[in-house]
PDB file of N, CA and C in Angstrom:
ATOM      1  N   MET A   1      48.255   5.742   7.800  1.00  0.00           N
ATOM      2  CA  MET A   1      46.156   6.431   9.052  1.00  0.00           C
ATOM      3  C   MET A   1      45.648   6.066   8.346  1.00  0.00           C
ATOM      4  N   TYR A   2      45.468   6.487   6.580  1.00  0.00           N
ATOM      5  CA  TYR A   2      44.608   6.800   5.679  1.00  0.00           C
ATOM      6  C   TYR A   2      44.393   4.550   5.932  1.00  0.00           C
ATOM      7  N   GLN A   3      45.179   3.829   6.023  1.00  0.00           N
ATOM      8  CA  GLN A   3      44.550   2.569   5.705  1.00  0.00           C
ATOM      9  C   GLN A   3      44.275   1.983   7.118  1.00  0.00           C
ATOM     10  N   LEU A   4      44.083   2.629   8.504  1.00  0.00           N
ATOM     11  CA  LEU A   4      43.666   2.183   9.704  1.00  0.00           C
ATOM     12  C   LEU A   4      42.130   2.283   8.638  1.00  0.00           C
ATOM     13  N   LEU A   5      41.558   3.570   8.612  1.00  0.00           N
ATOM     14  CA  LEU A   5      40.454   4.420   8.926  1.00  0.00           C
ATOM     15  C   LEU A   5      40.053   3.673   7.502  1.00  0.00           C
ATOM     16  N   LEU A   6      40.670   2.664   5.769  1.00  0.00           N
ATOM     17  CA  LEU A   6      39.433   2.959   5.037  1.00  0.00           C
ATOM     18  C   LEU A   6      39.286   1.504   6.073  1.00  0.00           C
ATOM     19  N   ALA A   7      39.814   0.804   6.305  1.00  0.00           N
ATOM     20  CA  ALA A   7      40.388  -1.127   7.563  1.00  0.00           C
ATOM     21  C   ALA A   7      38.379  -0.952   8.193  1.00  0.00           C
ATOM     22  N   ILE A   8      38.711   0.345   9.005  1.00  0.00           N
ATOM     23  CA  ILE A   8      37.841   0.503   9.734  1.00  0.00           C
ATOM     24  C   ILE A   8      36.311   0.598   8.699  1.00  0.00           C
ATOM     25  N   GLY A   9      36.309   1.437   7.637  1.00  0.00           N
ATOM     26  CA  GLY A   9      35.151   1.795   7.295  1.00  0.00           C
ATOM     27  C   GLY A   9      34.637   0.153   6.059  1.00  0.00           C
ATOM     28  N   ILE A  10      35.670  -0.519   6.262  1.00  0.00           N
ATOM     29  CA  ILE A  10      35.217  -1.980   5.286  1.00  0.00           C
ATOM     30  C   ILE A  10      34.468  -2.514   6.539  1.00  0.00           C
ATOM     31  N   ALA A  11      34.979  -2.227   7.794  1.00  0.00           N
ATOM     32  CA  ALA A  11      34.356  -3.309   8.387  1.00  0.00           C
ATOM     33  C   ALA A  11      33.111  -2.991   9.115  1.00  0.00           C
ATOM     34  N   LEU A  12      32.771  -1.831   9.195  1.00  0.00           N
ATOM     35  CA  LEU A  12      31.621  -0.892   9.584  1.00  0.00           C
ATOM     36  C   LEU A  12      30.902  -1.368   8.509  1.00  0.00           C
ATOM     37  N   ALA A  13      31.192  -1.352   7.054  1.00  0.00           N
ATOM     38  CA  ALA A  13      30.111  -1.220   5.794  1.00  0.00           C
ATOM     39  C   ALA A  13      29.175  -2.432   5.773  1.00  0.00           C
ATOM     40  N   PRO A  14      28.235  -2.577   6.123  1.00  0.00           N
ATOM     41  CA  PRO A  14      26.643  -2.945   5.706  1.00  0.00           C
ATOM     42  C   PRO A  14      27.384  -3.602   4.225  1.00  0.00           C
ATOM     43  N   PRO A  15      27.361  -5.116   4.372  1.00  0.00           N
ATOM     44  CA  PRO A  15      27.206  -6.398   3.321  1.00  0.00           C
ATOM     45  C   PRO A  15      26.279  -6.151   2.017  1.00  0.00           C
ATOM     46  N   VAL A  16      26.925  -6.491   1.241  1.00  0.00           N
ATOM     47  CA  VAL A  16      26.262  -6.239  -0.190  1.00  0.00           C
ATOM     48  C   VAL A  16      25.522  -6.880  -0.692  1.00  0.00           C
ATOM     49  N   PHE A  17      26.185  -7.999   0.065  1.00  0.00           N
ATOM     50  CA  PHE A  17      25.846  -9.393  -1.476  1.00  0.00           C
ATOM     51  C   PHE A  17      24.789  -9.963  -0.352  1.00  0.00           C
ATOM     52  N   ALA A  18      24.232  -9.495   1.228  1.00  0.00           N
ATOM     53  CA  ALA A  18      23.603 -10.242   1.779  1.00  0.00           C
ATOM     54  C   ALA A  18      21.671 -10.041   1.161  1.00  0.00           C
ATOM     55  N   GLU A  19      21.254 -11.274   0.315  1.00  0.00           N
ATOM     56  CA  GLU A  19      19.703 -11.042   0.084  1.00  0.00           C
ATOM     57  C   GLU A  19      18.835 -11.471   0.967  1.00  0.00           C
ATOM     58  N   ALA A  20      17.604 -10.893   1.460  1.00  0.00           N
ATOM     59  CA  ALA A  20      17.247 -12.081   1.232  1.00  0.00           C
ATOM     60  C   ALA A  20      16.352 -13.165   0.644  1.00  0.00           C
ATOM     61  N   PHE A  21      15.870 -14.146   1.501  1.00  0.00           N
ATOM     62  CA  PHE A  21      15.176 -15.402   0.448  1.00  0.00           C
ATOM     63  C   PHE A  21      14.157 -15.767   1.395  1.00  0.00           C
ATOM     64  N   PRO A  22      13.955 -16.324  -0.108  1.00  0.00           N
ATOM     65  CA  PRO A  22      11.803 -16.948   0.243  1.00  0.00           C
ATOM     66  C   PRO A  22      12.378 -18.029   1.704  1.00  0.00           C
ATOM     67  N   ILE A  23      11.376 -18.015   2.950  1.00  0.00           N
ATOM     68  CA  ILE A  23      11.475 -19.822   3.218  1.00  0.00           C
ATOM     69  C   ILE A  23      10.074 -19.890   3.554  1.00  0.00           C
ATOM     70  N   ASP A  24       9.870 -21.162   2.647  1.00  0.00           N
ATOM     71  CA  ASP A  24       8.038 -21.574   2.646  1.00  0.00           C
ATOM     72  C   ASP A  24       8.023 -22.262   3.593  1.00  0.00           C
ATOM     73  N   VAL A  25       6.876 -22.076   4.462  1.00  0.00           N
ATOM     74  CA  VAL A  25       6.712 -23.284   5.667  1.00  0.00           C
ATOM     75  C   VAL A  25       5.536 -24.173   5.291  1.00  0.00           C
ATOM     76  N   LYS A  26       5.701 -25.526   5.785  1.00  0.00           N
ATOM     77  CA  LYS A  26       4.511 -25.667   5.678  1.00  0.00           C
ATOM     78  C   LYS A  26       4.257 -26.995   6.507  1.00  0.00           C
ATOM     79  N   LEU A  27       2.553 -27.230   7.150  1.00  0.00           N
ATOM     80  CA  LEU A  27       2.629 -27.516   8.679  1.00  0.00           C
ATOM     81  C   LEU A  27       1.886 -28.974   7.928  1.00  0.00           C
ATOM     82  N   GLY A  28       2.101 -29.511   8.684  1.00  0.00           N
ATOM     83  CA  GLY A  28       1.638 -30.970   8.121  1.00  0.00           C
ATOM     84  C   GLY A  28       0.412 -31.583   9.712  1.00  0.00           C
ATOM     85  N   PRO A  29      -0.196 -32.593   9.226  1.00  0.00           N
ATOM     86  CA  PRO A  29      -1.739 -32.414   9.474  1.00  0.00           C
ATOM     87  C   PRO A  29      -1.776 -32.667  11.420  1.00  0.00           C
ATOM     88  N   GLY A  30       0.070 -32.278  11.842  1.00  0.00           N
ATOM     89  CA  GLY A  30      -0.508 -32.856  13.518  1.00  0.00           C
ATOM     90  C   GLY A  30       0.294 -31.131  13.872  1.00  0.00           C
ATOM     91  N   ALA A  31       0.562 -30.289  13.287  1.00  0.00           N
ATOM     92  CA  ALA A  31       0.850 -29.175  13.224  1.00  0.00           C
ATOM     93  C   ALA A  31       0.144 -27.847  13.605  1.00  0.00           C
ATOM     94  N   ASP A  32      -1.184 -28.069  13.775  1.00  0.00           N
ATOM     95  CA  ASP A  32      -2.244 -26.915  13.527  1.00  0.00           C
ATOM     96  C   ASP A  32      -2.558 -26.631  14.838  1.00  0.00           C
ATOM     97  N   GLU A  33      -1.682 -26.573  15.466  1.00  0.00           N
ATOM     98  CA  GLU A  33      -1.789 -26.108  17.347  1.00  0.00           C
ATOM     99  C   GLU A  33      -0.787 -25.599  17.381  1.00  0.00           C
ATOM    100  N   VAL A  34       0.659 -25.483  16.320  1.00  0.00           N
ATOM    101  CA  VAL A  34       1.762 -24.697  16.523  1.00  0.00           C
ATOM    102  C   VAL A  34       1.859 -23.167  15.213  1.00  0.00           C
ATOM    103  N   SER A  35       1.975 -22.322  15.150  1.00  0.00           N
ATOM    104  CA  SER A  35       2.420 -20.753  15.246  1.00  0.00           C
ATOM    105  C   SER A  35       3.316 -20.913  14.803  1.00  0.00           C
ATOM    106  N   VAL A  36       3.557 -20.542  13.684  1.00  0.00           N
ATOM    107  CA  VAL A  36       5.197 -19.980  12.899  1.00  0.00           C
ATOM    108  C   VAL A  36       5.276 -19.032  12.450  1.00  0.00           C
ATOM    109  N   SER A  37       6.791 -18.618  13.361  1.00  0.00           N
ATOM    110  CA  SER A  37       7.118 -16.960  12.095  1.00  0.00           C
ATOM    111  C   SER A  37       8.535 -17.797  11.974  1.00  0.00           C
ATOM    112  N   SER A  38       8.982 -16.786  10.246  1.00  0.00           N
ATOM    113  CA  SER A  38      10.483 -16.546   9.858  1.00  0.00           C
ATOM    114  C   SER A  38      11.481 -16.135   9.227  1.00  0.00           C
ATOM    115  N   THR A  39      12.618 -16.526   9.627  1.00  0.00           N
ATOM    116  CA  THR A  39      12.917 -14.500   9.501  1.00  0.00           C
ATOM    117  C   THR A  39      14.531 -15.655   8.888  1.00  0.00           C
ATOM    118  N   ASP A  40      15.165 -14.206   8.117  1.00  0.00           N
ATOM    119  CA  ASP A  40      16.782 -14.694   7.906  1.00  0.00           C
ATOM    120  C   ASP A  40      17.703 -13.732   7.984  1.00  0.00           C
ATOM    121  N   LEU A  41      18.484 -14.851   8.180  1.00  0.00           N
ATOM    122  CA  LEU A  41      19.415 -13.905   8.984  1.00  0.00           C
ATOM    123  C   LEU A  41      21.349 -14.976   8.228  1.00  0.00           C
ATOM    124  N   GLY A  42      21.562 -14.057   7.065  1.00  0.00           N
ATOM    125  CA  GLY A  42      22.471 -14.504   6.161  1.00  0.00           C
ATOM    126  C   GLY A  42      22.119 -15.774   5.628  1.00  0.00           C
ATOM    127  N   ASN A  43      22.911 -16.585   5.637  1.00  0.00           N
ATOM    128  CA  ASN A  43      22.624 -18.121   4.734  1.00  0.00           C
ATOM    129  C   ASN A  43      22.391 -18.881   6.383  1.00  0.00           C
ATOM    130  N   ILE A  44      21.233 -18.059   6.862  1.00  0.00           N
ATOM    131  CA  ILE A  44      20.732 -18.612   8.578  1.00  0.00           C
ATOM    132  C   ILE A  44      19.093 -18.233   8.924  1.00  0.00           C
ATOM    133  N   ALA A  45      18.364 -19.355   8.358  1.00  0.00           N
ATOM    134  CA  ALA A  45      17.147 -19.808   8.224  1.00  0.00           C
ATOM    135  C   ALA A  45      16.955 -19.885   9.278  1.00  0.00           C
ATOM    136  N   ALA A  46      15.624 -18.451  10.264  1.00  0.00           N
ATOM    137  CA  ALA A  46      14.961 -19.439  12.215  1.00  0.00           C
ATOM    138  C   ALA A  46      14.100 -19.311  11.405  1.00  0.00           C
ATOM    139  N   LEU A  47      13.370 -20.076  12.313  1.00  0.00           N
ATOM    140  CA  LEU A  47      11.749 -20.075  12.503  1.00  0.00           C
ATOM    141  C   LEU A  47      11.861 -20.477  13.926  1.00  0.00           C
ATOM    142  N   LYS A  48      10.649 -19.725  14.805  1.00  0.00           N
ATOM    143  CA  LYS A  48       9.658 -19.495  16.122  1.00  0.00           C
ATOM    144  C   LYS A  48       8.968 -20.516  15.621  1.00  0.00           C
ATOM    145  N   LEU A  49       8.631 -21.292  16.767  1.00  0.00           N
ATOM    146  CA  LEU A  49       7.296 -22.256  16.951  1.00  0.00           C
ATOM    147  C   LEU A  49       6.853 -21.819  18.209  1.00  0.00           C
ATOM    148  N   THR A  50       5.600 -21.621  18.223  1.00  0.00           N
ATOM    149  CA  THR A  50       5.025 -21.163  19.544  1.00  0.00           C
ATOM    150  C   THR A  50       3.909 -22.372  19.813  1.00  0.00           C
ATOM    151  N   SER A  51       3.901 -23.261  20.778  1.00  0.00           N
ATOM    152  CA  SER A  51       2.913 -24.063  20.802  1.00  0.00           C
ATOM    153  C   SER A  51       1.310 -23.383  21.512  1.00  0.00           C
ATOM    154  N   GLN A  52       0.446 -23.640  21.266  1.00  0.00           N
ATOM    155  CA  GLN A  52      -0.911 -23.162  21.655  1.00  0.00           C
ATOM    156  C   GLN A  52      -1.934 -24.246  21.728  1.00  0.00           C
ATOM    157  N   ALA A  53      -1.135 -25.571  22.442  1.00  0.00           N
ATOM    158  CA  ALA A  53      -1.980 -26.490  22.735  1.00  0.00           C
ATOM    159  C   ALA A  53      -1.624 -26.655  23.906  1.00  0.00           C
ATOM    160  N   THR A  54      -3.092 -28.009  24.819  1.00  0.00           N
ATOM    161  CA  THR A  54      -3.081 -27.858  26.429  1.00  0.00           C
ATOM    162  C   THR A  54      -1.580 -28.825  26.559  1.00  0.00           C
ATOM    163  N   VAL A  55      -1.216 -29.404  25.393  1.00  0.00           N
ATOM    164  CA  VAL A  55      -0.852 -31.346  26.053  1.00  0.00           C
ATOM    165  C   VAL A  55       0.948 -30.233  25.451  1.00  0.00           C
ATOM    166  N   PRO A  56       2.008 -31.656  25.953  1.00  0.00           N
ATOM    167  CA  PRO A  56       3.597 -31.064  25.473  1.00  0.00           C
ATOM    168  C   PRO A  56       4.047 -32.004  24.001  1.00  0.00           C
ATOM    169  N   LEU A  57       3.933 -31.313  23.051  1.00  0.00           N
ATOM    170  CA  LEU A  57       4.283 -31.415  21.358  1.00  0.00           C
ATOM    171  C   LEU A  57       4.924 -32.283  21.207  1.00  0.00           C
ATOM    172  N   ARG A  58       5.556 -33.101  20.226  1.00  0.00           N
ATOM    173  CA  ARG A  58       7.588 -33.290  20.158  1.00  0.00           C
ATOM    174  C   ARG A  58       6.780 -32.719  18.869  1.00  0.00           C
ATOM    175  N   CYS A  59       7.789 -32.259  17.620  1.00  0.00           N
ATOM    176  CA  CYS A  59       7.918 -31.129  16.568  1.00  0.00           C
ATOM    177  C   CYS A  59       8.616 -31.724  15.655  1.00  0.00           C
ATOM    178  N   GLN A  60       8.699 -31.866  14.398  1.00  0.00           N
ATOM    179  CA  GLN A  60       9.888 -31.983  14.473  1.00  0.00           C
ATOM    180  C   GLN A  60      10.580 -30.451  12.709  1.00  0.00           C
ATOM    181  N   ALA A  61      11.050 -30.478  11.888  1.00  0.00           N
ATOM    182  CA  ALA A  61      10.795 -29.279  11.236  1.00  0.00           C
ATOM    183  C   ALA A  61      12.324 -29.669  10.339  1.00  0.00           C
ATOM    184  N   THR A  62      11.855 -29.790   9.324  1.00  0.00           N
ATOM    185  CA  THR A  62      12.922 -30.523   8.248  1.00  0.00           C
ATOM    186  C   THR A  62      12.747 -29.280   7.358  1.00  0.00           C
ATOM    187  N   PHE A  63      14.945 -28.894   7.783  1.00  0.00           N
ATOM    188  CA  PHE A  63      14.216 -27.654   6.607  1.00  0.00           C
ATOM    189  C   PHE A  63      15.388 -28.537   5.177  1.00  0.00           C
ATOM    190  N   VAL A  64      14.924 -27.542   3.852  1.00  0.00           N
ATOM    191  CA  VAL A  64      15.453 -27.954   2.624  1.00  0.00           C
ATOM    192  C   VAL A  64      15.723 -26.903   1.798  1.00  0.00           C
ATOM    193  N   ASN A  65      17.382 -27.163   1.345  1.00  0.00           N
ATOM    194  CA  ASN A  65      17.576 -26.137   0.529  1.00  0.00           C
ATOM    195  C   ASN A  65      18.390 -27.051  -0.838  1.00  0.00           C
ATOM    196  N   GLY A  66      17.265 -27.248  -2.059  1.00  0.00           N
ATOM    197  CA  GLY A  66      18.251 -27.523  -2.954  1.00  0.00           C
ATOM    198  C   GLY A  66      18.333 -28.889  -2.998  1.00  0.00           C
ATOM    199  N   PRO A  67      20.306 -28.827  -3.483  1.00  0.00           N
ATOM    200  CA  PRO A  67      21.497 -29.916  -3.145  1.00  0.00           C
ATOM    201  C   PRO A  67      21.995 -30.384  -2.010  1.00  0.00           C
ATOM    202  N   GLU A  68      20.880 -29.818  -0.653  1.00  0.00           N
ATOM    203  CA  GLU A  68      22.019 -30.015   0.370  1.00  0.00           C
ATOM    204  C   GLU A  68      21.447 -31.244   0.814  1.00  0.00           C
ATOM    205  N   ARG A  69      21.292 -31.637   1.888  1.00  0.00           N
ATOM    206  CA  ARG A  69      21.546 -32.847   2.259  1.00  0.00           C
ATOM    207  C   ARG A  69      19.757 -32.393   3.374  1.00  0.00           C
ATOM    208  N   PRO A  70      18.646 -32.761   3.487  1.00  0.00           N
ATOM    209  CA  PRO A  70      17.551 -32.712   4.055  1.00  0.00           C
ATOM    210  C   PRO A  70      17.828 -32.535   6.238  1.00  0.00           C
ATOM    211  N   LEU A  71      17.669 -31.896   6.394  1.00  0.00           N
ATOM    212  CA  LEU A  71      18.985 -31.568   7.981  1.00  0.00           C
ATOM    213  C   LEU A  71      17.014 -31.958   8.951  1.00  0.00           C
ATOM    214  N   PRO A  72      16.934 -32.165  10.220  1.00  0.00           N
ATOM    215  CA  PRO A  72      15.438 -33.069  10.702  1.00  0.00           C
ATOM    216  C   PRO A  72      15.969 -31.709  12.087  1.00  0.00           C
ATOM    217  N   ARG A  73      15.357 -31.304  12.304  1.00  0.00           N
ATOM    218  CA  ARG A  73      16.071 -30.200  14.047  1.00  0.00           C
ATOM    219  C   ARG A  73      14.668 -30.445  14.510  1.00  0.00           C
ATOM    220  N   ARG A  74      14.711 -31.196  16.054  1.00  0.00           N
ATOM    221  CA  ARG A  74      13.975 -32.059  17.115  1.00  0.00           C
ATOM    222  C   ARG A  74      13.533 -31.071  17.726  1.00  0.00           C
ATOM    223  N   VAL A  75      12.558 -31.446  18.183  1.00  0.00           N
ATOM    224  CA  VAL A  75      11.898 -29.946  20.480  1.00  0.00           C
ATOM    225  C   VAL A  75      10.544 -30.407  20.404  1.00  0.00           C
ATOM    226  N   ARG A  76      10.880 -30.686  21.794  1.00  0.00           N
ATOM    227  CA  ARG A  76       9.637 -30.786  22.198  1.00  0.00           C
ATOM    228  C   ARG A  76       9.117 -29.329  23.116  1.00  0.00           C
ATOM    229  N   LEU A  77       7.929 -29.319  22.971  1.00  0.00           N
ATOM    230  CA  LEU A  77       7.152 -27.952  23.269  1.00  0.00           C
ATOM    231  C   LEU A  77       5.970 -28.032  24.423  1.00  0.00           C
ATOM    232  N   GLN A  78       6.596 -27.546  25.558  1.00  0.00           N
ATOM    233  CA  GLN A  78       4.920 -27.518  26.452  1.00  0.00           C
ATOM    234  C   GLN A  78       4.561 -26.421  26.338  1.00  0.00           C
ATOM    235  N   PRO A  79       3.126 -26.619  26.554  1.00  0.00           N
ATOM    236  CA  PRO A  79       2.194 -25.209  25.866  1.00  0.00           C
ATOM    237  C   PRO A  79       2.374 -23.975  26.640  1.00  0.00           C
ATOM    238  N   GLY A  80       2.139 -23.151  25.305  1.00  0.00           N
ATOM    239  CA  GLY A  80       2.180 -21.647  25.746  1.00  0.00           C
ATOM    240  C   GLY A  80       3.945 -21.480  25.351  1.00  0.00           C
ATOM    241  N   GLU A  81       4.900 -22.778  25.260  1.00  0.00           N
ATOM    242  CA  GLU A  81       6.752 -22.463  25.370  1.00  0.00           C
ATOM    243  C   GLU A  81       6.269 -21.653  23.730  1.00  0.00           C
ATOM    244  N   GLU A  82       7.687 -21.022  23.490  1.00  0.00           N
ATOM    245  CA  GLU A  82       8.694 -20.418  22.374  1.00  0.00           C
ATOM    246  C   GLU A  82       9.909 -20.907  21.899  1.00  0.00           C
ATOM    247  N   VAL A  83      10.011 -21.597  21.234  1.00  0.00           N
ATOM    248  CA  VAL A  83      11.434 -22.423  20.899  1.00  0.00           C
ATOM    249  C   VAL A  83      11.562 -21.313  19.036  1.00  0.00           C
ATOM    250  N   VAL A  84      13.146 -21.548  18.968  1.00  0.00           N
ATOM    251  CA  VAL A  84      13.925 -21.281  17.802  1.00  0.00           C
ATOM    252  C   VAL A  84      14.708 -22.010  16.917  1.00  0.00           C
ATOM    253  N   LEU A  85      14.336 -22.849  16.388  1.00  0.00           N
ATOM    254  CA  LEU A  85      15.021 -23.647  15.299  1.00  0.00           C
ATOM    255  C   LEU A  85      16.177 -23.009  14.473  1.00  0.00           C
ATOM    256  N   THR A  86      17.663 -22.986  13.677  1.00  0.00           N
ATOM    257  CA  THR A  86      17.498 -22.504  13.667  1.00  0.00           C
ATOM    258  C   THR A  86      18.061 -23.910  12.020  1.00  0.00           C
ATOM    259  N   HIS A  87      18.723 -23.462  10.891  1.00  0.00           N
ATOM    260  CA  HIS A  87      19.806 -24.197  10.352  1.00  0.00           C
ATOM    261  C   HIS A  87      20.790 -23.319   9.203  1.00  0.00           C
ATOM    262  N   GLU A  88      22.250 -23.343   9.437  1.00  0.00           N
ATOM    263  CA  GLU A  88      23.144 -22.464   9.072  1.00  0.00           C
ATOM    264  C   GLU A  88      22.746 -23.164   7.339  1.00  0.00           C
ATOM    265  N   PHE A  89      22.938 -23.179   6.295  1.00  0.00           N
ATOM    266  CA  PHE A  89      23.045 -23.854   4.925  1.00  0.00           C
ATOM    267  C   PHE A  89      24.594 -23.146   4.559  1.00  0.00           C
ATOM    268  N   THR A  90      25.011 -24.322   3.826  1.00  0.00           N
ATOM    269  CA  THR A  90      26.412 -24.022   2.668  1.00  0.00           C
ATOM    270  C   THR A  90      26.700 -23.455   1.767  1.00  0.00           C
ATOM    271  N   ARG A  91      25.278 -23.643   0.869  1.00  0.00           N
ATOM    272  CA  ARG A  91      25.475 -23.175  -0.384  1.00  0.00           C
ATOM    273  C   ARG A  91      24.624 -21.859  -0.391  1.00  0.00           C
ATOM    274  N   GLU A  92      24.685 -21.624  -1.770  1.00  0.00           N
ATOM    275  CA  GLU A  92      23.695 -20.047  -1.552  1.00  0.00           C
ATOM    276  C   GLU A  92      22.233 -20.462  -1.418  1.00  0.00           C
ATOM    277  N   ILE A  93      21.892 -19.461  -1.199  1.00  0.00           N
ATOM    278  CA  ILE A  93      20.587 -19.596  -0.402  1.00  0.00           C
ATOM    279  C   ILE A  93      19.630 -18.998  -2.117  1.00  0.00           C
ATOM    280  N   ILE A  94      18.577 -20.269  -2.512  1.00  0.00           N
ATOM    281  CA  ILE A  94      18.009 -18.967  -3.388  1.00  0.00           C
ATOM    282  C   ILE A  94      16.373 -19.624  -2.100  1.00  0.00           C
ATOM    283  N   ARG A  95      16.315 -20.560  -2.220  1.00  0.00           N
ATOM    284  CA  ARG A  95      14.427 -20.940  -1.524  1.00  0.00           C
ATOM    285  C   ARG A  95      15.155 -21.084  -0.641  1.00  0.00           C
ATOM    286  N   VAL A  96      13.956 -21.786   0.900  1.00  0.00           N
ATOM    287  CA  VAL A  96      14.474 -22.886   1.651  1.00  0.00           C
ATOM    288  C   VAL A  96      13.143 -22.975   1.894  1.00  0.00           C
ATOM    289  N   ARG A  97      12.532 -24.480   2.033  1.00  0.00           N
ATOM    290  CA  ARG A  97      11.147 -24.996   2.125  1.00  0.00           C
ATOM    291  C   ARG A  97      12.095 -26.055   4.027  1.00  0.00           C
ATOM    292  N   VAL A  98      10.757 -26.000   4.283  1.00  0.00           N
ATOM    293  CA  VAL A  98      10.268 -26.483   5.723  1.00  0.00           C
ATOM    294  C   VAL A  98       9.241 -27.110   5.709  1.00  0.00           C
ATOM    295  N   HIS A  99       9.802 -27.900   6.063  1.00  0.00           N
ATOM    296  CA  HIS A  99       8.336 -29.068   6.887  1.00  0.00           C
ATOM    297  C   HIS A  99       8.108 -29.535   8.399  1.00  0.00           C
ATOM    298  N   ILE A 100       7.370 -29.220   8.333  1.00  0.00           N
ATOM    299  CA  ILE A 100       6.966 -28.664  10.097  1.00  0.00           C
ATOM    300  C   ILE A 100       5.988 -30.080  10.924  1.00  0.00           C
ATOM    301  N   ASP A 101       5.773 -30.677  11.057  1.00  0.00           N
ATOM    302  CA  ASP A 101       5.094 -31.920  11.554  1.00  0.00           C
ATOM    303  C   ASP A 101       5.309 -31.584  13.198  1.00  0.00           C
ATOM    304  N   CYS A 102       3.633 -32.321  14.231  1.00  0.00           N
ATOM    305  CA  CYS A 102       4.209 -32.316  15.669  1.00  0.00           C
ATOM    306  C   CYS A 102       3.277 -33.744  15.678  1.00  0.00           C
ATOM    307  N   ALA A 103       3.144 -34.223  16.976  1.00  0.00           N
ATOM    308  CA  ALA A 103       2.501 -35.373  17.982  1.00  0.00           C
ATOM    309  C   ALA A 103       2.764 -35.055  18.827  1.00  0.00           C
ATOM    310  N   PRO A 104       1.249 -35.021  19.325  1.00  0.00           N
ATOM    311  CA  PRO A 104       1.416 -34.608  20.635  1.00  0.00           C
ATOM    312  C   PRO A 104       1.771 -35.950  21.571  1.00  0.00           C
ATOM    313  N   GLU A 105       2.137 -35.983  22.805  1.00  0.00           N
ATOM    314  CA  GLU A 105       3.276 -36.776  23.779  1.00  0.00           C
ATOM    315  C   GLU A 105       2.389 -37.398  24.482  1.00  0.00           C
TER     316      GLU A 105
END
């Protein structure tokens, strides 16, 4: 019984090793009509892009974390649309840099 209660307690305990990391977002010249908010979820970086343009946009967000290969995420945004982009990293995260560039269709 003691082992069962210990296992349940460990499973429900909040992780002590999960730390927040900064996400630096750099907007390219074509991304001035996009608002961005960022958050981290463990070892996952997440961005919410909101289009404020009057025309559809093709956007690319490139996530960079140290030695890992930069990975671009491409999305098409309709006017007023919100899209969430995520990237999971395999190494320990110290800082994430994201470059966002958009162009009208």
